[in-house]
Amino acid sequence: MSRTRTPVVADWFAGEGESFRLLGTRCAACACVFFPREDGFCRNPGCSGGELIEVALSRRGRVWSYTDGRYRPPPPYVSDPELPWEPYTLIAVELAAERMVVLGQAAPGVSVADLAVGMEVEVVPGVLNEDDEATWTTWHWRPVGVGG
């Protein structure tokens, strides 16, 4: 049975492999960049607004902070209560060009023991969950130089 690859959140990321990118928006008036994307108005309080243009964000950044999730999060997080809980690693990454911090899960196999503040990481395609019909896709952070 073939599953449909479905983004967890539409229009937040696109591409595959080396072309995979998080998608944000940039205000044409003040050049502020937003992620998650903003499609209604410029969030910069000093800007009177402007056209919001979709932009691909930096693929790489540096670890700003990280932690491990040792508890089963509540809904809407998807997890099977019949399976044992597996801890996961969360990483806050300061993007190289945008100088903004974006959160995300670490790639499978990456734990807090593998990370250090300031370490270079890259965004890679990931899977949040699978069901009978869909593979729910997302993004993960992986240390640069670690295969995937």
N, C-alpha and C. Protein backbone atom coordinates (compact mmCIF):
# COMPACT_ATOMS: atom_id res chain seq x y z
N MET A 1 0.84 -1.19 0.00
CA MET A 1 0.00 0.00 0.00
C MET A 1 0.89 1.25 0.00
N SER A 2 0.61 2.15 -0.90
CA SER A 2 1.38 3.38 -1.01
C SER A 2 0.71 4.48 -0.20
N ARG A 3 1.51 5.16 0.63
CA ARG A 3 1.00 6.27 1.43
C ARG A 3 1.27 7.59 0.71
N THR A 4 0.38 8.53 0.87
CA THR A 4 0.56 9.88 0.34
C THR A 4 1.47 10.64 1.30
N ARG A 5 2.49 11.31 0.77
CA ARG A 5 3.34 12.17 1.60
C ARG A 5 2.62 13.50 1.78
N THR A 6 2.29 13.82 3.03
CA THR A 6 1.48 14.99 3.34
C THR A 6 2.20 15.85 4.37
N PRO A 7 2.47 17.13 4.06
CA PRO A 7 3.09 18.00 5.06
C PRO A 7 2.19 18.17 6.28
N VAL A 8 2.79 18.17 7.46
CA VAL A 8 2.04 18.39 8.69
C VAL A 8 1.40 19.78 8.66
N VAL A 9 2.14 20.76 8.16
CA VAL A 9 1.63 22.12 8.00
C VAL A 9 1.92 22.55 6.56
N ALA A 10 0.88 22.86 5.82
CA ALA A 10 1.04 23.25 4.41
C ALA A 10 1.84 24.55 4.29
N ASP A 11 2.72 24.60 3.31
CA ASP A 11 3.48 25.80 2.93
C ASP A 11 4.51 26.26 3.95
N TRP A 12 4.92 25.40 4.89
CA TRP A 12 5.99 25.75 5.82
C TRP A 12 7.33 25.21 5.36
N PHE A 13 7.35 24.24 4.42
CA PHE A 13 8.58 23.68 3.90
C PHE A 13 8.29 23.04 2.55
N ALA A 14 9.37 22.87 1.78
CA ALA A 14 9.22 22.29 0.43
C ALA A 14 10.55 21.71 -0.01
N GLY A 15 10.49 20.83 -1.02
CA GLY A 15 11.69 20.28 -1.62
C GLY A 15 12.06 18.93 -1.03
N GLU A 16 13.09 18.37 -1.61
CA GLU A 16 13.63 17.08 -1.16
C GLU A 16 15.15 17.17 -1.15
N GLY A 17 15.79 16.36 -0.35
CA GLY A 17 17.25 16.29 -0.34
C GLY A 17 17.89 17.66 -0.14
N GLU A 18 18.88 17.98 -0.99
CA GLU A 18 19.61 19.24 -0.88
C GLU A 18 18.75 20.47 -1.17
N SER A 19 17.61 20.27 -1.84
CA SER A 19 16.73 21.41 -2.14
C SER A 19 15.70 21.65 -1.05
N PHE A 20 15.67 20.82 0.00
CA PHE A 20 14.70 20.97 1.09
C PHE A 20 14.95 22.28 1.82
N ARG A 21 13.89 23.06 2.03
CA ARG A 21 13.99 24.34 2.72
C ARG A 21 12.74 24.60 3.56
N LEU A 22 12.94 25.32 4.66
CA LEU A 22 11.81 25.91 5.37
C LEU A 22 11.40 27.13 4.56
N LEU A 23 10.11 27.45 4.55
CA LEU A 23 9.59 28.59 3.81
C LEU A 23 9.08 29.65 4.78
N GLY A 24 9.50 30.85 4.58
CA GLY A 24 9.02 31.97 5.37
C GLY A 24 8.48 33.03 4.43
N THR A 25 8.22 34.20 4.99
CA THR A 25 7.81 35.33 4.16
C THR A 25 8.67 36.54 4.55
N ARG A 26 8.88 37.41 3.56
CA ARG A 26 9.64 38.65 3.77
C ARG A 26 8.74 39.81 3.38
N CYS A 27 8.73 40.84 4.23
CA CYS A 27 7.96 42.04 3.93
C CYS A 27 8.73 42.86 2.90
N ALA A 28 8.05 43.22 1.82
CA ALA A 28 8.68 44.01 0.76
C ALA A 28 9.01 45.42 1.23
N ALA A 29 8.30 45.92 2.24
CA ALA A 29 8.52 47.30 2.71
C ALA A 29 9.71 47.40 3.67
N CYS A 30 9.82 46.49 4.64
CA CYS A 30 10.86 46.61 5.67
C CYS A 30 11.89 45.49 5.65
N ALA A 31 11.66 44.47 4.84
CA ALA A 31 12.58 43.32 4.68
C ALA A 31 12.60 42.38 5.87
N CYS A 32 11.69 42.54 6.85
CA CYS A 32 11.62 41.58 7.96
C CYS A 32 11.20 40.22 7.42
N VAL A 33 11.82 39.16 7.97
CA VAL A 33 11.51 37.80 7.57
C VAL A 33 10.78 37.11 8.71
N PHE A 34 9.78 36.30 8.35
CA PHE A 34 8.95 35.64 9.35
C PHE A 34 8.90 34.13 9.13
N PHE A 35 9.01 33.39 10.23
CA PHE A 35 8.72 31.96 10.27
C PHE A 35 8.18 31.68 11.65
N PRO A 36 7.03 31.03 11.76
CA PRO A 36 6.24 30.59 10.63
C PRO A 36 5.85 31.77 9.75
N ARG A 37 5.56 31.43 8.52
CA ARG A 37 5.24 32.43 7.51
C ARG A 37 4.07 33.30 7.96
N GLU A 38 4.04 34.50 7.46
CA GLU A 38 2.94 35.44 7.71
C GLU A 38 2.35 35.78 6.36
N ASP A 39 1.05 35.60 6.22
CA ASP A 39 0.41 35.88 4.93
C ASP A 39 -0.58 37.03 4.99
N GLY A 40 -0.82 37.58 6.19
CA GLY A 40 -1.83 38.62 6.31
C GLY A 40 -1.28 40.03 6.40
N PHE A 41 -0.24 40.24 7.24
CA PHE A 41 0.28 41.58 7.48
C PHE A 41 1.70 41.46 8.02
N CYS A 42 2.45 42.55 7.92
CA CYS A 42 3.80 42.58 8.47
C CYS A 42 3.71 42.64 9.99
N ARG A 43 4.40 41.75 10.69
CA ARG A 43 4.38 41.71 12.15
C ARG A 43 5.32 42.72 12.79
N ASN A 44 6.08 43.43 11.99
CA ASN A 44 6.98 44.45 12.52
C ASN A 44 6.13 45.65 12.94
N PRO A 45 6.09 45.99 14.24
CA PRO A 45 5.24 47.10 14.68
C PRO A 45 5.66 48.45 14.12
N GLY A 46 6.90 48.58 13.65
CA GLY A 46 7.36 49.84 13.08
C GLY A 46 7.13 49.96 11.59
N CYS A 47 6.47 48.95 11.01
CA CYS A 47 6.25 48.94 9.55
C CYS A 47 4.76 49.15 9.27
N SER A 48 4.48 49.99 8.29
CA SER A 48 3.08 50.23 7.94
C SER A 48 2.53 49.14 7.01
N GLY A 49 3.33 48.16 6.72
CA GLY A 49 2.87 47.05 5.91
C GLY A 49 3.55 47.00 4.58
N GLY A 50 3.21 46.01 3.86
CA GLY A 50 3.80 45.83 2.55
C GLY A 50 3.45 44.45 2.04
N GLU A 51 3.80 44.22 0.80
CA GLU A 51 3.58 42.91 0.21
C GLU A 51 4.45 41.88 0.92
N LEU A 52 3.89 40.70 1.21
CA LEU A 52 4.64 39.62 1.83
C LEU A 52 5.01 38.61 0.76
N ILE A 53 6.30 38.34 0.63
CA ILE A 53 6.82 37.49 -0.43
C ILE A 53 7.38 36.22 0.18
N GLU A 54 7.00 35.06 -0.38
CA GLU A 54 7.53 33.79 0.11
C GLU A 54 9.02 33.71 -0.17
N VAL A 55 9.79 33.27 0.83
CA VAL A 55 11.23 33.10 0.68
C VAL A 55 11.67 31.77 1.28
N ALA A 56 12.66 31.16 0.65
CA ALA A 56 13.29 29.97 1.22
C ALA A 56 14.29 30.45 2.27
N LEU A 57 14.25 29.83 3.44
CA LEU A 57 15.13 30.23 4.54
C LEU A 57 16.46 29.48 4.45
N SER A 58 17.43 29.91 5.22
CA SER A 58 18.75 29.26 5.25
C SER A 58 18.60 27.78 5.58
N ARG A 59 19.40 26.95 4.93
CA ARG A 59 19.41 25.51 5.22
C ARG A 59 20.20 25.22 6.49
N ARG A 60 21.11 26.12 6.84
CA ARG A 60 21.99 25.87 7.98
C ARG A 60 21.88 26.97 9.02
N GLY A 61 22.24 26.59 10.23
CA GLY A 61 22.28 27.52 11.33
C GLY A 61 23.10 26.93 12.46
N ARG A 62 23.07 27.59 13.60
CA ARG A 62 23.84 27.12 14.75
C ARG A 62 22.89 26.84 15.92
N VAL A 63 23.22 25.78 16.67
CA VAL A 63 22.40 25.41 17.82
C VAL A 63 22.42 26.56 18.81
N TRP A 64 21.23 27.04 19.13
CA TRP A 64 21.06 28.12 20.09
C TRP A 64 20.76 27.53 21.46
N SER A 65 19.98 26.44 21.46
CA SER A 65 19.64 25.72 22.69
C SER A 65 19.08 24.36 22.29
N TYR A 66 18.99 23.44 23.24
CA TYR A 66 18.43 22.12 22.97
C TYR A 66 17.99 21.46 24.28
N THR A 67 17.12 20.49 24.15
CA THR A 67 16.64 19.74 25.31
C THR A 67 16.07 18.41 24.83
N ASP A 68 15.77 17.54 25.77
CA ASP A 68 15.11 16.29 25.39
C ASP A 68 13.71 16.25 25.98
N GLY A 69 12.79 15.66 25.21
CA GLY A 69 11.40 15.49 25.64
C GLY A 69 11.23 14.10 26.23
N ARG A 70 11.10 14.03 27.53
CA ARG A 70 11.03 12.73 28.19
C ARG A 70 9.62 12.34 28.59
N TYR A 71 8.64 13.11 28.17
CA TYR A 71 7.25 12.78 28.49
C TYR A 71 6.43 12.74 27.21
N ARG A 72 5.33 12.04 27.24
CA ARG A 72 4.42 11.98 26.09
C ARG A 72 3.62 13.28 26.06
N PRO A 73 3.79 14.11 25.02
CA PRO A 73 3.05 15.37 24.96
C PRO A 73 1.55 15.11 24.75
N PRO A 74 0.74 16.07 25.16
CA PRO A 74 -0.71 15.92 24.98
C PRO A 74 -1.11 16.17 23.53
N PRO A 75 -2.35 15.80 23.16
CA PRO A 75 -2.85 16.13 21.81
C PRO A 75 -2.75 17.64 21.59
N PRO A 76 -2.52 18.08 20.39
CA PRO A 76 -2.68 17.38 19.13
C PRO A 76 -1.46 16.58 18.69
N TYR A 77 -0.39 16.48 19.53
CA TYR A 77 0.75 15.65 19.17
C TYR A 77 0.26 14.22 18.96
N VAL A 78 0.73 13.59 17.91
CA VAL A 78 0.27 12.25 17.56
C VAL A 78 1.25 11.23 18.11
N SER A 79 0.76 10.34 18.97
CA SER A 79 1.56 9.22 19.45
C SER A 79 0.62 8.08 19.80
N ASP A 80 1.10 6.89 19.60
CA ASP A 80 0.29 5.69 19.86
C ASP A 80 0.42 5.33 21.33
N PRO A 81 -0.66 5.44 22.12
CA PRO A 81 -0.59 5.14 23.56
C PRO A 81 -0.30 3.67 23.84
N GLU A 82 -0.44 2.82 22.83
CA GLU A 82 -0.15 1.40 23.01
C GLU A 82 1.35 1.10 22.93
N LEU A 83 2.12 2.01 22.36
CA LEU A 83 3.56 1.82 22.22
C LEU A 83 4.30 2.52 23.35
N PRO A 84 5.46 1.99 23.75
CA PRO A 84 6.23 2.69 24.79
C PRO A 84 6.70 4.05 24.29
N TRP A 85 6.78 5.00 25.21
CA TRP A 85 7.21 6.34 24.84
C TRP A 85 8.71 6.36 24.57
N GLU A 86 9.10 7.00 23.46
CA GLU A 86 10.50 7.17 23.10
C GLU A 86 10.86 8.65 23.24
N PRO A 87 11.83 9.00 24.09
CA PRO A 87 12.23 10.41 24.19
C PRO A 87 12.71 10.94 22.84
N TYR A 88 12.61 12.24 22.66
CA TYR A 88 13.04 12.89 21.43
C TYR A 88 13.81 14.14 21.80
N THR A 89 14.59 14.65 20.86
CA THR A 89 15.42 15.83 21.11
C THR A 89 14.85 17.02 20.35
N LEU A 90 14.71 18.14 21.04
CA LEU A 90 14.28 19.40 20.43
C LEU A 90 15.48 20.34 20.32
N ILE A 91 15.58 21.04 19.19
CA ILE A 91 16.70 21.95 18.97
C ILE A 91 16.16 23.32 18.56
N ALA A 92 16.69 24.36 19.18
CA ALA A 92 16.43 25.74 18.76
C ALA A 92 17.65 26.16 17.95
N VAL A 93 17.42 26.56 16.69
CA VAL A 93 18.51 26.86 15.76
C VAL A 93 18.42 28.32 15.31
N GLU A 94 19.53 29.04 15.43
CA GLU A 94 19.60 30.39 14.88
C GLU A 94 20.04 30.26 13.42
N LEU A 95 19.14 30.64 12.50
CA LEU A 95 19.42 30.52 11.08
C LEU A 95 20.56 31.44 10.66
N ALA A 96 21.40 30.97 9.75
CA ALA A 96 22.62 31.67 9.36
C ALA A 96 22.37 33.08 8.84
N ALA A 97 21.54 33.23 7.83
CA ALA A 97 21.34 34.55 7.20
C ALA A 97 20.28 35.38 7.93
N GLU A 98 19.21 34.75 8.36
CA GLU A 98 18.06 35.48 8.92
C GLU A 98 18.28 35.89 10.37
N ARG A 99 19.18 35.20 11.07
CA ARG A 99 19.46 35.49 12.49
C ARG A 99 18.20 35.38 13.35
N MET A 100 17.31 34.46 12.96
CA MET A 100 16.12 34.17 13.75
C MET A 100 16.22 32.75 14.27
N VAL A 101 15.55 32.46 15.38
CA VAL A 101 15.60 31.13 15.98
C VAL A 101 14.36 30.35 15.58
N VAL A 102 14.60 29.13 15.08
CA VAL A 102 13.53 28.22 14.66
C VAL A 102 13.67 26.92 15.42
N LEU A 103 12.57 26.44 15.99
CA LEU A 103 12.56 25.18 16.73
C LEU A 103 12.25 24.00 15.82
N GLY A 104 12.68 22.84 16.23
CA GLY A 104 12.34 21.62 15.52
C GLY A 104 12.95 20.42 16.22
N GLN A 105 12.47 19.24 15.84
CA GLN A 105 13.02 18.01 16.38
C GLN A 105 14.35 17.70 15.72
N ALA A 106 15.20 16.99 16.44
CA ALA A 106 16.44 16.49 15.87
C ALA A 106 16.11 15.31 14.96
N ALA A 107 16.98 15.09 13.98
CA ALA A 107 16.83 13.93 13.11
C ALA A 107 16.92 12.66 13.95
N PRO A 108 16.27 11.58 13.50
CA PRO A 108 16.35 10.32 14.25
C PRO A 108 17.81 9.93 14.50
N GLY A 109 18.07 9.47 15.70
CA GLY A 109 19.42 9.05 16.07
C GLY A 109 20.26 10.14 16.68
N VAL A 110 19.80 11.40 16.64
CA VAL A 110 20.54 12.52 17.23
C VAL A 110 19.98 12.77 18.62
N SER A 111 20.84 12.71 19.63
CA SER A 111 20.40 12.93 21.01
C SER A 111 21.09 14.16 21.58
N VAL A 112 20.72 14.56 22.79
CA VAL A 112 21.35 15.72 23.42
C VAL A 112 22.84 15.50 23.59
N ALA A 113 23.28 14.26 23.73
CA ALA A 113 24.70 13.96 23.88
C ALA A 113 25.50 14.29 22.61
N ASP A 114 24.81 14.39 21.47
CA ASP A 114 25.47 14.69 20.20
C ASP A 114 25.54 16.19 19.90
N LEU A 115 24.96 17.02 20.75
CA LEU A 115 24.80 18.45 20.45
C LEU A 115 25.62 19.32 21.38
N ALA A 116 25.92 20.52 20.91
CA ALA A 116 26.56 21.56 21.72
C ALA A 116 26.07 22.91 21.21
N VAL A 117 25.91 23.87 22.10
CA VAL A 117 25.52 25.21 21.70
C VAL A 117 26.60 25.74 20.75
N GLY A 118 26.15 26.32 19.62
CA GLY A 118 27.06 26.86 18.62
C GLY A 118 27.39 25.89 17.50
N MET A 119 27.04 24.62 17.66
CA MET A 119 27.30 23.61 16.63
C MET A 119 26.50 23.91 15.38
N GLU A 120 27.09 23.69 14.20
CA GLU A 120 26.37 23.92 12.95
C GLU A 120 25.46 22.73 12.65
N VAL A 121 24.21 23.05 12.31
CA VAL A 121 23.22 22.04 11.94
C VAL A 121 22.55 22.45 10.63
N GLU A 122 21.90 21.48 10.00
CA GLU A 122 21.18 21.75 8.76
C GLU A 122 19.78 21.16 8.84
N VAL A 123 18.86 21.79 8.11
CA VAL A 123 17.49 21.32 8.07
C VAL A 123 17.40 20.19 7.05
N VAL A 124 16.68 19.13 7.41
CA VAL A 124 16.50 17.97 6.53
C VAL A 124 15.03 17.54 6.59
N PRO A 125 14.55 16.87 5.53
CA PRO A 125 13.17 16.36 5.57
C PRO A 125 13.02 15.33 6.67
N GLY A 126 11.85 15.31 7.28
CA GLY A 126 11.59 14.34 8.33
C GLY A 126 10.17 13.80 8.27
N VAL A 127 9.92 12.81 9.09
CA VAL A 127 8.59 12.20 9.19
C VAL A 127 8.13 12.35 10.63
N LEU A 128 6.93 12.89 10.81
CA LEU A 128 6.36 13.02 12.15
C LEU A 128 5.59 11.77 12.52
N ASN A 129 4.82 11.24 11.55
CA ASN A 129 3.95 10.11 11.85
C ASN A 129 3.53 9.45 10.55
N GLU A 130 3.08 8.23 10.64
CA GLU A 130 2.50 7.52 9.49
C GLU A 130 1.21 6.85 9.94
N ASP A 131 0.22 6.85 9.05
CA ASP A 131 -0.99 6.09 9.29
C ASP A 131 -1.26 5.27 8.04
N ASP A 132 -2.43 4.68 7.93
CA ASP A 132 -2.73 3.80 6.80
C ASP A 132 -2.70 4.53 5.46
N GLU A 133 -3.02 5.82 5.45
CA GLU A 133 -3.11 6.56 4.20
C GLU A 133 -1.99 7.54 3.94
N ALA A 134 -1.34 8.04 4.99
CA ALA A 134 -0.40 9.15 4.79
C ALA A 134 0.89 8.98 5.59
N THR A 135 1.95 9.51 5.03
CA THR A 135 3.19 9.76 5.75
C THR A 135 3.21 11.25 6.00
N TRP A 136 3.12 11.65 7.26
CA TRP A 136 3.03 13.05 7.64
C TRP A 136 4.45 13.61 7.76
N THR A 137 4.80 14.52 6.85
CA THR A 137 6.17 15.02 6.77
C THR A 137 6.35 16.31 7.56
N THR A 138 7.59 16.55 7.97
CA THR A 138 7.97 17.73 8.73
C THR A 138 9.43 18.04 8.45
N TRP A 139 10.08 18.81 9.29
CA TRP A 139 11.51 19.06 9.17
C TRP A 139 12.21 18.59 10.43
N HIS A 140 13.47 18.25 10.28
CA HIS A 140 14.33 17.89 11.40
C HIS A 140 15.63 18.67 11.27
N TRP A 141 16.35 18.77 12.37
CA TRP A 141 17.69 19.38 12.39
C TRP A 141 18.71 18.27 12.58
N ARG A 142 19.81 18.35 11.82
CA ARG A 142 20.86 17.33 11.89
C ARG A 142 22.21 18.04 11.90
N PRO A 143 23.13 17.59 12.79
CA PRO A 143 24.47 18.18 12.76
C PRO A 143 25.10 18.04 11.38
N VAL A 144 25.76 19.10 10.92
CA VAL A 144 26.43 19.08 9.61
C VAL A 144 27.50 17.99 9.63
N GLY A 145 27.55 17.23 8.56
CA GLY A 145 28.53 16.17 8.45
C GLY A 145 28.05 14.81 8.91
N VAL A 146 26.84 14.77 9.52
CA VAL A 146 26.26 13.50 9.94
C VAL A 146 25.39 13.00 8.80
N GLY A 147 25.60 11.78 8.33
CA GLY A 147 24.82 11.22 7.21
C GLY A 147 23.37 11.06 7.56
N GLY A 148 22.56 10.89 6.54
CA GLY A 148 21.13 10.76 6.79
C GLY A 148 20.41 10.01 5.81
